[in-house]
Amino acid sequence: APGFLDRVDLFAGTSTGSILAAFLAGGASPGEAASYYEEYVP
């Protein structure tokens, strides 16, 4: 569904979800956010 994130008005998240919500609200793609998890979670 290309363009879906552009349509999102409010990114809400809790705990790890808040981190993902902030990534996305800041303009990062899901793939970029996932790469940060791969890098930092260990």
Full PDB file with SEQRES, HELIX, SHEET, SSBOND, CRYST1, ORIGX, SCALE, CONECT and MASTER records, all heavy atoms in Angstrom:
SEQRES   1 A   42  ALA PRO GLY PHE LEU ASP ARG VAL ASP LEU PHE ALA GLY          
SEQRES   2 A   42  THR SER THR GLY SER ILE LEU ALA ALA PHE LEU ALA GLY          
SEQRES   3 A   42  GLY ALA SER PRO GLY GLU ALA ALA SER TYR TYR GLU GLU          
SEQRES   4 A   42  TYR VAL PRO                                                  
HELIX    1 AA1 PHE A    4  ARG A    7  1                                   4    
HELIX    2 AA2 THR A   16  ALA A   25  1                                  10    
HELIX    3 AA3 PRO A   30  TYR A   40  1                                  11    
CRYST1    1.000    1.000    1.000  90.00  90.00  90.00 P 1           1          
ORIGX1      1.000000  0.000000  0.000000        0.00000                         
ORIGX2      0.000000  1.000000  0.000000        0.00000                         
ORIGX3      0.000000  0.000000  1.000000        0.00000                         
SCALE1      1.000000  0.000000  0.000000        0.00000                         
SCALE2      0.000000  1.000000  0.000000        0.00000                         
SCALE3      0.000000  0.000000  1.000000        0.00000                         
ATOM      1  N   ALA A   1       0.857  -1.199   0.000  1.00  0.00           N  
ATOM      2  CA  ALA A   1       0.000   0.000   0.000  1.00  0.00           C  
ATOM      3  C   ALA A   1       0.884   1.238   0.000  1.00  0.00           C  
ATOM      4  O   ALA A   1       0.988   1.952   1.002  1.00  0.00           O  
ATOM      5  CB  ALA A   1      -0.927  -0.004   1.212  1.00  0.00           C  
ATOM      6  N   PRO A   2       1.558   1.516  -1.134  1.00  0.00           N  
ATOM      7  CA  PRO A   2       2.452   2.688  -1.192  1.00  0.00           C  
ATOM      8  C   PRO A   2       1.693   3.975  -0.859  1.00  0.00           C  
ATOM      9  O   PRO A   2       0.565   4.173  -1.285  1.00  0.00           O  
ATOM     10  CB  PRO A   2       2.919   2.693  -2.662  1.00  0.00           C  
ATOM     11  CG  PRO A   2       2.691   1.301  -3.155  1.00  0.00           C  
ATOM     12  CD  PRO A   2       1.489   0.783  -2.411  1.00  0.00           C  
ATOM     13  N   GLY A   3       2.342   4.816  -0.099  1.00  0.00           N  
ATOM     14  CA  GLY A   3       1.723   6.083   0.285  1.00  0.00           C  
ATOM     15  C   GLY A   3       0.960   6.030   1.594  1.00  0.00           C  
ATOM     16  O   GLY A   3       0.499   7.077   2.077  1.00  0.00           O  
ATOM     17  N   PHE A   4       0.863   4.846   2.205  1.00  0.00           N  
ATOM     18  CA  PHE A   4       0.084   4.750   3.444  1.00  0.00           C  
ATOM     19  C   PHE A   4       0.679   5.612   4.548  1.00  0.00           C  
ATOM     20  O   PHE A   4      -0.040   6.368   5.223  1.00  0.00           O  
ATOM     21  CB  PHE A   4      -0.013   3.291   3.908  1.00  0.00           C  
ATOM     22  CG  PHE A   4      -0.573   3.154   5.297  1.00  0.00           C  
ATOM     23  CD1 PHE A   4      -1.909   3.436   5.551  1.00  0.00           C  
ATOM     24  CD2 PHE A   4       0.234   2.768   6.360  1.00  0.00           C  
ATOM     25  CE1 PHE A   4      -2.429   3.338   6.834  1.00  0.00           C  
ATOM     26  CE2 PHE A   4      -0.277   2.658   7.645  1.00  0.00           C  
ATOM     27  CZ  PHE A   4      -1.613   2.942   7.879  1.00  0.00           C  
ATOM     28  N   LEU A   5       1.993   5.517   4.762  1.00  0.00           N  
ATOM     29  CA  LEU A   5       2.600   6.287   5.854  1.00  0.00           C  
ATOM     30  C   LEU A   5       2.472   7.789   5.626  1.00  0.00           C  
ATOM     31  O   LEU A   5       2.398   8.559   6.591  1.00  0.00           O  
ATOM     32  CB  LEU A   5       4.067   5.898   6.028  1.00  0.00           C  
ATOM     33  CG  LEU A   5       4.333   4.524   6.649  1.00  0.00           C  
ATOM     34  CD1 LEU A   5       5.821   4.287   6.784  1.00  0.00           C  
ATOM     35  CD2 LEU A   5       3.641   4.383   7.991  1.00  0.00           C  
ATOM     36  N   ASP A   6       2.435   8.214   4.381  1.00  0.00           N  
ATOM     37  CA  ASP A   6       2.229   9.638   4.098  1.00  0.00           C  
ATOM     38  C   ASP A   6       0.850  10.099   4.560  1.00  0.00           C  
ATOM     39  O   ASP A   6       0.643  11.286   4.837  1.00  0.00           O  
ATOM     40  CB  ASP A   6       2.374   9.906   2.594  1.00  0.00           C  
ATOM     41  CG  ASP A   6       3.791   9.671   2.098  1.00  0.00           C  
ATOM     42  OD1 ASP A   6       4.729   9.798   2.917  1.00  0.00           O  
ATOM     43  OD2 ASP A   6       3.961   9.349   0.911  1.00  0.00           O  
ATOM     44  N   ARG A   7      -0.095   9.173   4.630  1.00  0.00           N  
ATOM     45  CA  ARG A   7      -1.455   9.504   5.035  1.00  0.00           C  
ATOM     46  C   ARG A   7      -1.652   9.495   6.546  1.00  0.00           C  
ATOM     47  O   ARG A   7      -2.681   9.952   7.045  1.00  0.00           O  
ATOM     48  CB  ARG A   7      -2.434   8.508   4.396  1.00  0.00           C  
ATOM     49  CG  ARG A   7      -2.531   8.599   2.881  1.00  0.00           C  
ATOM     50  CD  ARG A   7      -3.047   9.959   2.443  1.00  0.00           C  
ATOM     51  NE  ARG A   7      -4.194  10.353   3.242  1.00  0.00           N  
ATOM     52  CZ  ARG A   7      -5.435   9.908   3.043  1.00  0.00           C  
ATOM     53  NH1 ARG A   7      -5.687   9.090   2.056  1.00  0.00           N  
ATOM     54  NH2 ARG A   7      -6.417  10.310   3.816  1.00  0.00           N  
ATOM     55  N   VAL A   8      -0.683   8.944   7.280  1.00  0.00           N  
ATOM     56  CA  VAL A   8      -0.821   8.861   8.739  1.00  0.00           C  
ATOM     57  C   VAL A   8      -0.656  10.250   9.346  1.00  0.00           C  
ATOM     58  O   VAL A   8       0.314  10.959   9.081  1.00  0.00           O  
ATOM     59  CB  VAL A   8       0.208   7.886   9.339  1.00  0.00           C  
ATOM     60  CG1 VAL A   8       0.142   7.904  10.867  1.00  0.00           C  
ATOM     61  CG2 VAL A   8      -0.037   6.464   8.828  1.00  0.00           C  
ATOM     62  N   ASP A   9      -1.623  10.646  10.183  1.00  0.00           N  
ATOM     63  CA  ASP A   9      -1.598  11.951  10.842  1.00  0.00           C  
ATOM     64  C   ASP A   9      -0.999  11.890  12.244  1.00  0.00           C  
ATOM     65  O   ASP A   9      -0.415  12.860  12.720  1.00  0.00           O  
ATOM     66  CB  ASP A   9      -3.016  12.513  10.941  1.00  0.00           C  
ATOM     67  CG  ASP A   9      -3.641  12.738   9.580  1.00  0.00           C  
ATOM     68  OD1 ASP A   9      -3.213  13.666   8.888  1.00  0.00           O  
ATOM     69  OD2 ASP A   9      -4.558  11.980   9.210  1.00  0.00           O  
ATOM     70  N   LEU A  10      -1.172  10.749  12.915  1.00  0.00           N  
ATOM     71  CA  LEU A  10      -0.701  10.609  14.293  1.00  0.00           C  
ATOM     72  C   LEU A  10      -0.025   9.255  14.453  1.00  0.00           C  
ATOM     73  O   LEU A  10      -0.627   8.212  14.182  1.00  0.00           O  
ATOM     74  CB  LEU A  10      -1.864  10.726  15.277  1.00  0.00           C  
ATOM     75  CG  LEU A  10      -1.588  10.363  16.743  1.00  0.00           C  
ATOM     76  CD1 LEU A  10      -0.484  11.235  17.326  1.00  0.00           C  
ATOM     77  CD2 LEU A  10      -2.869  10.487  17.579  1.00  0.00           C  
ATOM     78  N   PHE A  11       1.230   9.290  14.867  1.00  0.00           N  
ATOM     79  CA  PHE A  11       1.977   8.074  15.164  1.00  0.00           C  
ATOM     80  C   PHE A  11       1.982   7.894  16.686  1.00  0.00           C  
ATOM     81  O   PHE A  11       2.581   8.699  17.406  1.00  0.00           O  
ATOM     82  CB  PHE A  11       3.409   8.173  14.643  1.00  0.00           C  
ATOM     83  CG  PHE A  11       3.510   8.197  13.140  1.00  0.00           C  
ATOM     84  CD1 PHE A  11       3.417   9.395  12.448  1.00  0.00           C  
ATOM     85  CD2 PHE A  11       3.695   7.025  12.420  1.00  0.00           C  
ATOM     86  CE1 PHE A  11       3.507   9.435  11.064  1.00  0.00           C  
ATOM     87  CE2 PHE A  11       3.785   7.049  11.033  1.00  0.00           C  
ATOM     88  CZ  PHE A  11       3.688   8.254  10.354  1.00  0.00           C  
ATOM     89  N   ALA A  12       1.306   6.861  17.157  1.00  0.00           N  
ATOM     90  CA  ALA A  12       1.217   6.592  18.594  1.00  0.00           C  
ATOM     91  C   ALA A  12       1.953   5.296  18.904  1.00  0.00           C  
ATOM     92  O   ALA A  12       1.814   4.312  18.169  1.00  0.00           O  
ATOM     93  CB  ALA A  12      -0.248   6.482  19.021  1.00  0.00           C  
ATOM     94  N   GLY A  13       2.727   5.293  19.977  1.00  0.00           N  
ATOM     95  CA  GLY A  13       3.457   4.081  20.331  1.00  0.00           C  
ATOM     96  C   GLY A  13       3.764   4.027  21.803  1.00  0.00           C  
ATOM     97  O   GLY A  13       3.892   5.060  22.471  1.00  0.00           O  
ATOM     98  N   THR A  14       3.879   2.808  22.311  1.00  0.00           N  
ATOM     99  CA  THR A  14       4.202   2.574  23.717  1.00  0.00           C  
ATOM    100  C   THR A  14       5.493   1.783  23.807  1.00  0.00           C  
ATOM    101  O   THR A  14       5.681   0.809  23.067  1.00  0.00           O  
ATOM    102  CB  THR A  14       3.085   1.785  24.409  1.00  0.00           C  
ATOM    103  OG1 THR A  14       1.870   2.536  24.363  1.00  0.00           O  
ATOM    104  CG2 THR A  14       3.437   1.497  25.859  1.00  0.00           C  
ATOM    105  N   SER A  15       6.384   2.197  24.714  1.00  0.00           N  
ATOM    106  CA  SER A  15       7.617   1.468  24.965  1.00  0.00           C  
ATOM    107  C   SER A  15       8.404   1.320  23.661  1.00  0.00           C  
ATOM    108  O   SER A  15       8.709   2.308  23.010  1.00  0.00           O  
ATOM    109  CB  SER A  15       7.295   0.117  25.613  1.00  0.00           C  
ATOM    110  OG  SER A  15       8.445  -0.462  26.170  1.00  0.00           O  
ATOM    111  N   THR A  16       8.715   0.099  23.235  1.00  0.00           N  
ATOM    112  CA  THR A  16       9.420  -0.056  21.953  1.00  0.00           C  
ATOM    113  C   THR A  16       8.600   0.521  20.810  1.00  0.00           C  
ATOM    114  O   THR A  16       9.150   1.024  19.826  1.00  0.00           O  
ATOM    115  CB  THR A  16       9.748  -1.544  21.695  1.00  0.00           C  
ATOM    116  OG1 THR A  16      10.658  -1.657  20.608  1.00  0.00           O  
ATOM    117  CG2 THR A  16       8.502  -2.353  21.368  1.00  0.00           C  
ATOM    118  N   GLY A  17       7.273   0.485  20.951  1.00  0.00           N  
ATOM    119  CA  GLY A  17       6.408   1.086  19.935  1.00  0.00           C  
ATOM    120  C   GLY A  17       6.568   2.589  19.849  1.00  0.00           C  
ATOM    121  O   GLY A  17       6.406   3.183  18.777  1.00  0.00           O  
ATOM    122  N   SER A  18       6.904   3.231  20.979  1.00  0.00           N  
ATOM    123  CA  SER A  18       7.128   4.688  20.943  1.00  0.00           C  
ATOM    124  C   SER A  18       8.386   5.007  20.143  1.00  0.00           C  
ATOM    125  O   SER A  18       8.453   6.026  19.450  1.00  0.00           O  
ATOM    126  CB  SER A  18       7.237   5.250  22.370  1.00  0.00           C  
ATOM    127  OG  SER A  18       8.457   4.878  22.997  1.00  0.00           O  
ATOM    128  N   ILE A  19       9.386   4.136  20.240  1.00  0.00           N  
ATOM    129  CA  ILE A  19      10.616   4.333  19.466  1.00  0.00           C  
ATOM    130  C   ILE A  19      10.316   4.217  17.971  1.00  0.00           C  
ATOM    131  O   ILE A  19      10.734   5.050  17.166  1.00  0.00           O  
ATOM    132  CB  ILE A  19      11.686   3.307  19.902  1.00  0.00           C  
ATOM    133  CG1 ILE A  19      12.058   3.537  21.372  1.00  0.00           C  
ATOM    134  CG2 ILE A  19      12.920   3.405  19.009  1.00  0.00           C  
ATOM    135  CD1 ILE A  19      12.983   2.480  21.957  1.00  0.00           C  
ATOM    136  N   LEU A  20       9.547   3.189  17.611  1.00  0.00           N  
ATOM    137  CA  LEU A  20       9.178   3.015  16.206  1.00  0.00           C  
ATOM    138  C   LEU A  20       8.333   4.192  15.721  1.00  0.00           C  
ATOM    139  O   LEU A  20       8.525   4.694  14.612  1.00  0.00           O  
ATOM    140  CB  LEU A  20       8.412   1.703  16.037  1.00  0.00           C  
ATOM    141  CG  LEU A  20       9.203   0.426  16.311  1.00  0.00           C  
ATOM    142  CD1 LEU A  20       8.284  -0.791  16.270  1.00  0.00           C  
ATOM    143  CD2 LEU A  20      10.334   0.269  15.300  1.00  0.00           C  
ATOM    144  N   ALA A  21       7.381   4.632  16.557  1.00  0.00           N  
ATOM    145  CA  ALA A  21       6.514   5.749  16.177  1.00  0.00           C  
ATOM    146  C   ALA A  21       7.338   7.017  15.939  1.00  0.00           C  
ATOM    147  O   ALA A  21       7.068   7.777  15.004  1.00  0.00           O  
ATOM    148  CB  ALA A  21       5.462   5.991  17.257  1.00  0.00           C  
ATOM    149  N   ALA A  22       8.344   7.250  16.775  1.00  0.00           N  
ATOM    150  CA  ALA A  22       9.185   8.440  16.606  1.00  0.00           C  
ATOM    151  C   ALA A  22      10.025   8.343  15.336  1.00  0.00           C  
ATOM    152  O   ALA A  22      10.204   9.343  14.621  1.00  0.00           O  
ATOM    153  CB  ALA A  22      10.079   8.624  17.830  1.00  0.00           C  
ATOM    154  N   PHE A  23      10.565   7.158  15.056  1.00  0.00           N  
ATOM    155  CA  PHE A  23      11.291   6.964  13.796  1.00  0.00           C  
ATOM    156  C   PHE A  23      10.410   7.357  12.617  1.00  0.00           C  
ATOM    157  O   PHE A  23      10.806   8.124  11.740  1.00  0.00           O  
ATOM    158  CB  PHE A  23      11.696   5.495  13.638  1.00  0.00           C  
ATOM    159  CG  PHE A  23      12.981   5.108  14.310  1.00  0.00           C  
ATOM    160  CD1 PHE A  23      13.053   3.962  15.082  1.00  0.00           C  
ATOM    161  CD2 PHE A  23      14.128   5.874  14.163  1.00  0.00           C  
ATOM    162  CE1 PHE A  23      14.232   3.584  15.706  1.00  0.00           C  
ATOM    163  CE2 PHE A  23      15.324   5.505  14.778  1.00  0.00           C  
ATOM    164  CZ  PHE A  23      15.371   4.359  15.555  1.00  0.00           C  
ATOM    165  N   LEU A  24       9.202   6.798  12.587  1.00  0.00           N  
ATOM    166  CA  LEU A  24       8.302   7.002  11.453  1.00  0.00           C  
ATOM    167  C   LEU A  24       7.808   8.443  11.377  1.00  0.00           C  
ATOM    168  O   LEU A  24       7.713   9.018  10.297  1.00  0.00           O  
ATOM    169  CB  LEU A  24       7.123   6.026  11.550  1.00  0.00           C  
ATOM    170  CG  LEU A  24       7.496   4.539  11.514  1.00  0.00           C  
ATOM    171  CD1 LEU A  24       6.275   3.675  11.806  1.00  0.00           C  
ATOM    172  CD2 LEU A  24       8.118   4.154  10.181  1.00  0.00           C  
ATOM    173  N   ALA A  25       7.483   9.035  12.533  1.00  0.00           N  
ATOM    174  CA  ALA A  25       7.041  10.431  12.554  1.00  0.00           C  
ATOM    175  C   ALA A  25       8.147  11.369  12.096  1.00  0.00           C  
ATOM    176  O   ALA A  25       7.885  12.459  11.585  1.00  0.00           O  
ATOM    177  CB  ALA A  25       6.570  10.826  13.956  1.00  0.00           C  
ATOM    178  N   GLY A  26       9.394  10.954  12.268  1.00  0.00           N  
ATOM    179  CA  GLY A  26      10.534  11.747  11.831  1.00  0.00           C  
ATOM    180  C   GLY A  26      10.891  11.559  10.374  1.00  0.00           C  
ATOM    181  O   GLY A  26      11.822  12.192   9.878  1.00  0.00           O  
ATOM    182  N   GLY A  27      10.163  10.657   9.683  1.00  0.00           N  
ATOM    183  CA  GLY A  27      10.385  10.484   8.255  1.00  0.00           C  
ATOM    184  C   GLY A  27      11.154   9.246   7.870  1.00  0.00           C  
ATOM    185  O   GLY A  27      11.389   9.009   6.675  1.00  0.00           O  
ATOM    186  N   ALA A  28      11.569   8.415   8.838  1.00  0.00           N  
ATOM    187  CA  ALA A  28      12.277   7.179   8.504  1.00  0.00           C  
ATOM    188  C   ALA A  28      11.305   6.172   7.898  1.00  0.00           C  
ATOM    189  O   ALA A  28      10.115   6.163   8.218  1.00  0.00           O  
ATOM    190  CB  ALA A  28      12.937   6.591   9.746  1.00  0.00           C  
ATOM    191  N   SER A  29      11.799   5.320   7.036  1.00  0.00           N  
ATOM    192  CA  SER A  29      10.989   4.241   6.473  1.00  0.00           C  
ATOM    193  C   SER A  29      10.988   3.064   7.435  1.00  0.00           C  
ATOM    194  O   SER A  29      11.871   2.951   8.298  1.00  0.00           O  
ATOM    195  CB  SER A  29      11.562   3.798   5.126  1.00  0.00           C  
ATOM    196  OG  SER A  29      12.808   3.129   5.321  1.00  0.00           O  
ATOM    197  N   PRO A  30      10.017   2.137   7.318  1.00  0.00           N  
ATOM    198  CA  PRO A  30      10.054   0.933   8.163  1.00  0.00           C  
ATOM    199  C   PRO A  30      11.351   0.151   8.005  1.00  0.00           C  
ATOM    200  O   PRO A  30      11.883  -0.373   8.992  1.00  0.00           O  
ATOM    201  CB  PRO A  30       8.850   0.134   7.662  1.00  0.00           C  
ATOM    202  CG  PRO A  30       7.902   1.159   7.142  1.00  0.00           C  
ATOM    203  CD  PRO A  30       8.777   2.207   6.521  1.00  0.00           C  
ATOM    204  N   GLY A  31      11.881   0.082   6.791  1.00  0.00           N  
ATOM    205  CA  GLY A  31      13.138  -0.628   6.577  1.00  0.00           C  
ATOM    206  C   GLY A  31      14.294   0.000   7.325  1.00  0.00           C  
ATOM    207  O   GLY A  31      15.138  -0.699   7.901  1.00  0.00           O  
ATOM    208  N   GLU A  32      14.346   1.335   7.342  1.00  0.00           N  
ATOM    209  CA  GLU A  32      15.408   2.034   8.080  1.00  0.00           C  
ATOM    210  C   GLU A  32      15.269   1.789   9.578  1.00  0.00           C  
ATOM    211  O   GLU A  32      16.262   1.558  10.282  1.00  0.00           O  
ATOM    212  CB  GLU A  32      15.345   3.525   7.784  1.00  0.00           C  
ATOM    213  CG  GLU A  32      15.806   3.885   6.376  1.00  0.00           C  
ATOM    214  CD  GLU A  32      15.570   5.337   6.030  1.00  0.00           C  
ATOM    215  OE1 GLU A  32      14.585   5.922   6.544  1.00  0.00           O  
ATOM    216  OE2 GLU A  32      16.356   5.892   5.251  1.00  0.00           O  
ATOM    217  N   ALA A  33      14.032   1.836  10.084  1.00  0.00           N  
ATOM    218  CA  ALA A  33      13.815   1.577  11.504  1.00  0.00           C  
ATOM    219  C   ALA A  33      14.225   0.156  11.859  1.00  0.00           C  
ATOM    220  O   ALA A  33      14.851  -0.086  12.904  1.00  0.00           O  
ATOM    221  CB  ALA A  33      12.345   1.809  11.853  1.00  0.00           C  
ATOM    222  N   ALA A  34      13.897  -0.807  10.990  1.00  0.00           N  
ATOM    223  CA  ALA A  34      14.268  -2.201  11.235  1.00  0.00           C  
ATOM    224  C   ALA A  34      15.783  -2.366  11.266  1.00  0.00           C  
ATOM    225  O   ALA A  34      16.329  -3.123  12.083  1.00  0.00           O  
ATOM    226  CB  ALA A  34      13.655  -3.100  10.165  1.00  0.00           C  
ATOM    227  N   SER A  35      16.476  -1.649  10.398  1.00  0.00           N  
ATOM    228  CA  SER A  35      17.941  -1.729  10.379  1.00  0.00           C  
ATOM    229  C   SER A  35      18.540  -1.227  11.682  1.00  0.00           C  
ATOM    230  O   SER A  35      19.533  -1.783  12.179  1.00  0.00           O  
ATOM    231  CB  SER A  35      18.490  -0.909   9.203  1.00  0.00           C  
ATOM    232  OG  SER A  35      18.077  -1.459   7.972  1.00  0.00           O  
ATOM    233  N   TYR A  36      17.955  -0.186  12.266  1.00  0.00           N  
ATOM    234  CA  TYR A  36      18.429   0.303  13.552  1.00  0.00           C  
ATOM    235  C   TYR A  36      18.214  -0.730  14.645  1.00  0.00           C  
ATOM    236  O   TYR A  36      19.056  -0.899  15.535  1.00  0.00           O  
ATOM    237  CB  TYR A  36      17.750   1.628  13.901  1.00  0.00           C  
ATOM    238  CG  TYR A  36      18.495   2.813  13.370  1.00  0.00           C  
ATOM    239  CD1 TYR A  36      18.308   3.245  12.059  1.00  0.00           C  
ATOM    240  CD2 TYR A  36      19.429   3.480  14.157  1.00  0.00           C  
ATOM    241  CE1 TYR A  36      19.014   4.316  11.559  1.00  0.00           C  
ATOM    242  CE2 TYR A  36      20.132   4.556  13.657  1.00  0.00           C  
ATOM    243  CZ  TYR A  36      19.929   4.973  12.357  1.00  0.00           C  
ATOM    244  OH  TYR A  36      20.646   6.030  11.869  1.00  0.00           O  
ATOM    245  N   TYR A  37      17.095  -1.433  14.589  1.00  0.00           N  
ATOM    246  CA  TYR A  37      16.862  -2.494  15.568  1.00  0.00           C  
ATOM    247  C   TYR A  37      17.905  -3.592  15.420  1.00  0.00           C  
ATOM    248  O   TYR A  37      18.431  -4.110  16.416  1.00  0.00           O  
ATOM    249  CB  TYR A  37      15.452  -3.059  15.418  1.00  0.00           C  
ATOM    250  CG  TYR A  37      14.440  -2.369  16.307  1.00  0.00           C  
ATOM    251  CD1 TYR A  37      14.195  -1.005  16.181  1.00  0.00           C  
ATOM    252  CD2 TYR A  37      13.732  -3.065  17.283  1.00  0.00           C  
ATOM    253  CE1 TYR A  37      13.289  -0.356  17.002  1.00  0.00           C  
ATOM    254  CE2 TYR A  37      12.821  -2.428  18.109  1.00  0.00           C  
ATOM    255  CZ  TYR A  37      12.603  -1.066  17.967  1.00  0.00           C  
ATOM    256  OH  TYR A  37      11.709  -0.434  18.780  1.00  0.00           O  
ATOM    257  N   GLU A  38      18.200  -3.980  14.203  1.00  0.00           N  
ATOM    258  CA  GLU A  38      19.214  -5.007  13.979  1.00  0.00           C  
ATOM    259  C   GLU A  38      20.568  -4.572  14.528  1.00  0.00           C  
ATOM    260  O   GLU A  38      21.332  -5.393  15.059  1.00  0.00           O  
ATOM    261  CB  GLU A  38      19.325  -5.304  12.483  1.00  0.00           C  
ATOM    262  CG  GLU A  38      18.097  -5.988  11.896  1.00  0.00           C  
ATOM    263  CD  GLU A  38      18.111  -6.037  10.383  1.00  0.00           C  
ATOM    264  OE1 GLU A  38      18.987  -5.376   9.774  1.00  0.00           O  
ATOM    265  OE2 GLU A  38      17.246  -6.713   9.812  1.00  0.00           O  
ATOM    266  N   GLU A  39      20.855  -3.287  14.428  1.00  0.00           N  
ATOM    267  CA  GLU A  39      22.140  -2.765  14.883  1.00  0.00           C  
ATOM    268  C   GLU A  39      22.204  -2.621  16.398  1.00  0.00           C  
ATOM    269  O   GLU A  39      23.203  -2.977  17.032  1.00  0.00           O  
ATOM    270  CB  GLU A  39      22.391  -1.403  14.223  1.00  0.00           C  
ATOM    271  CG  GLU A  39      23.706  -0.740  14.628  1.00  0.00           C  
ATOM    272  CD  GLU A  39      24.918  -1.486  14.097  1.00  0.00           C  
ATOM    273  OE1 GLU A  39      24.821  -2.064  12.999  1.00  0.00           O  
ATOM    274  OE2 GLU A  39      25.954  -1.493  14.787  1.00  0.00           O  
ATOM    275  N   TYR A  40      21.129  -2.118  16.992  1.00  0.00           N  
ATOM    276  CA  TYR A  40      21.188  -1.700  18.394  1.00  0.00           C  
ATOM    277  C   TYR A  40      20.680  -2.729  19.398  1.00  0.00           C  
ATOM    278  O   TYR A  40      21.136  -2.746  20.538  1.00  0.00           O  
ATOM    279  CB  TYR A  40      20.382  -0.410  18.577  1.00  0.00           C  
ATOM    280  CG  TYR A  40      21.077   0.822  18.084  1.00  0.00           C  
ATOM    281  CD1 TYR A  40      20.485   1.635  17.123  1.00  0.00           C  
ATOM    282  CD2 TYR A  40      22.330   1.183  18.564  1.00  0.00           C  
ATOM    283  CE1 TYR A  40      21.113   2.780  16.661  1.00  0.00           C  
ATOM    284  CE2 TYR A  40      22.966   2.321  18.110  1.00  0.00           C  
ATOM    285  CZ  TYR A  40      22.361   3.119  17.160  1.00  0.00           C  
ATOM    286  OH  TYR A  40      22.990   4.237  16.711  1.00  0.00           O  
ATOM    287  N   VAL A  41      19.704  -3.549  19.039  1.00  0.00           N  
ATOM    288  CA  VAL A  41      19.111  -4.469  20.015  1.00  0.00           C  
ATOM    289  C   VAL A  41      20.160  -5.370  20.670  1.00  0.00           C  
ATOM    290  O   VAL A  41      20.129  -5.569  21.897  1.00  0.00           O  
ATOM    291  CB  VAL A  41      17.972  -5.285  19.369  1.00  0.00           C  
ATOM    292  CG1 VAL A  41      17.632  -6.520  20.206  1.00  0.00           C  
ATOM    293  CG2 VAL A  41      16.735  -4.408  19.207  1.00  0.00           C  
ATOM    294  N   PRO A  42      21.125  -5.932  19.917  1.00  0.00           N  
ATOM    295  CA  PRO A  42      22.144  -6.752  20.585  1.00  0.00           C  
ATOM    296  C   PRO A  42      22.947  -5.978  21.622  1.00  0.00           C  
ATOM    297  O   PRO A  42      23.388  -6.550  22.632  1.00  0.00           O  
ATOM    298  CB  PRO A  42      23.033  -7.213  19.413  1.00  0.00           C  
ATOM    299  CG  PRO A  42      22.127  -7.196  18.229  1.00  0.00           C  
ATOM    300  CD  PRO A  42      21.259  -5.998  18.442  1.00  0.00           C  
TER     301      PRO A  42                                                      
MASTER        0    0    0    3    0    0    0    6  300    1    0    4          
END                                                                             
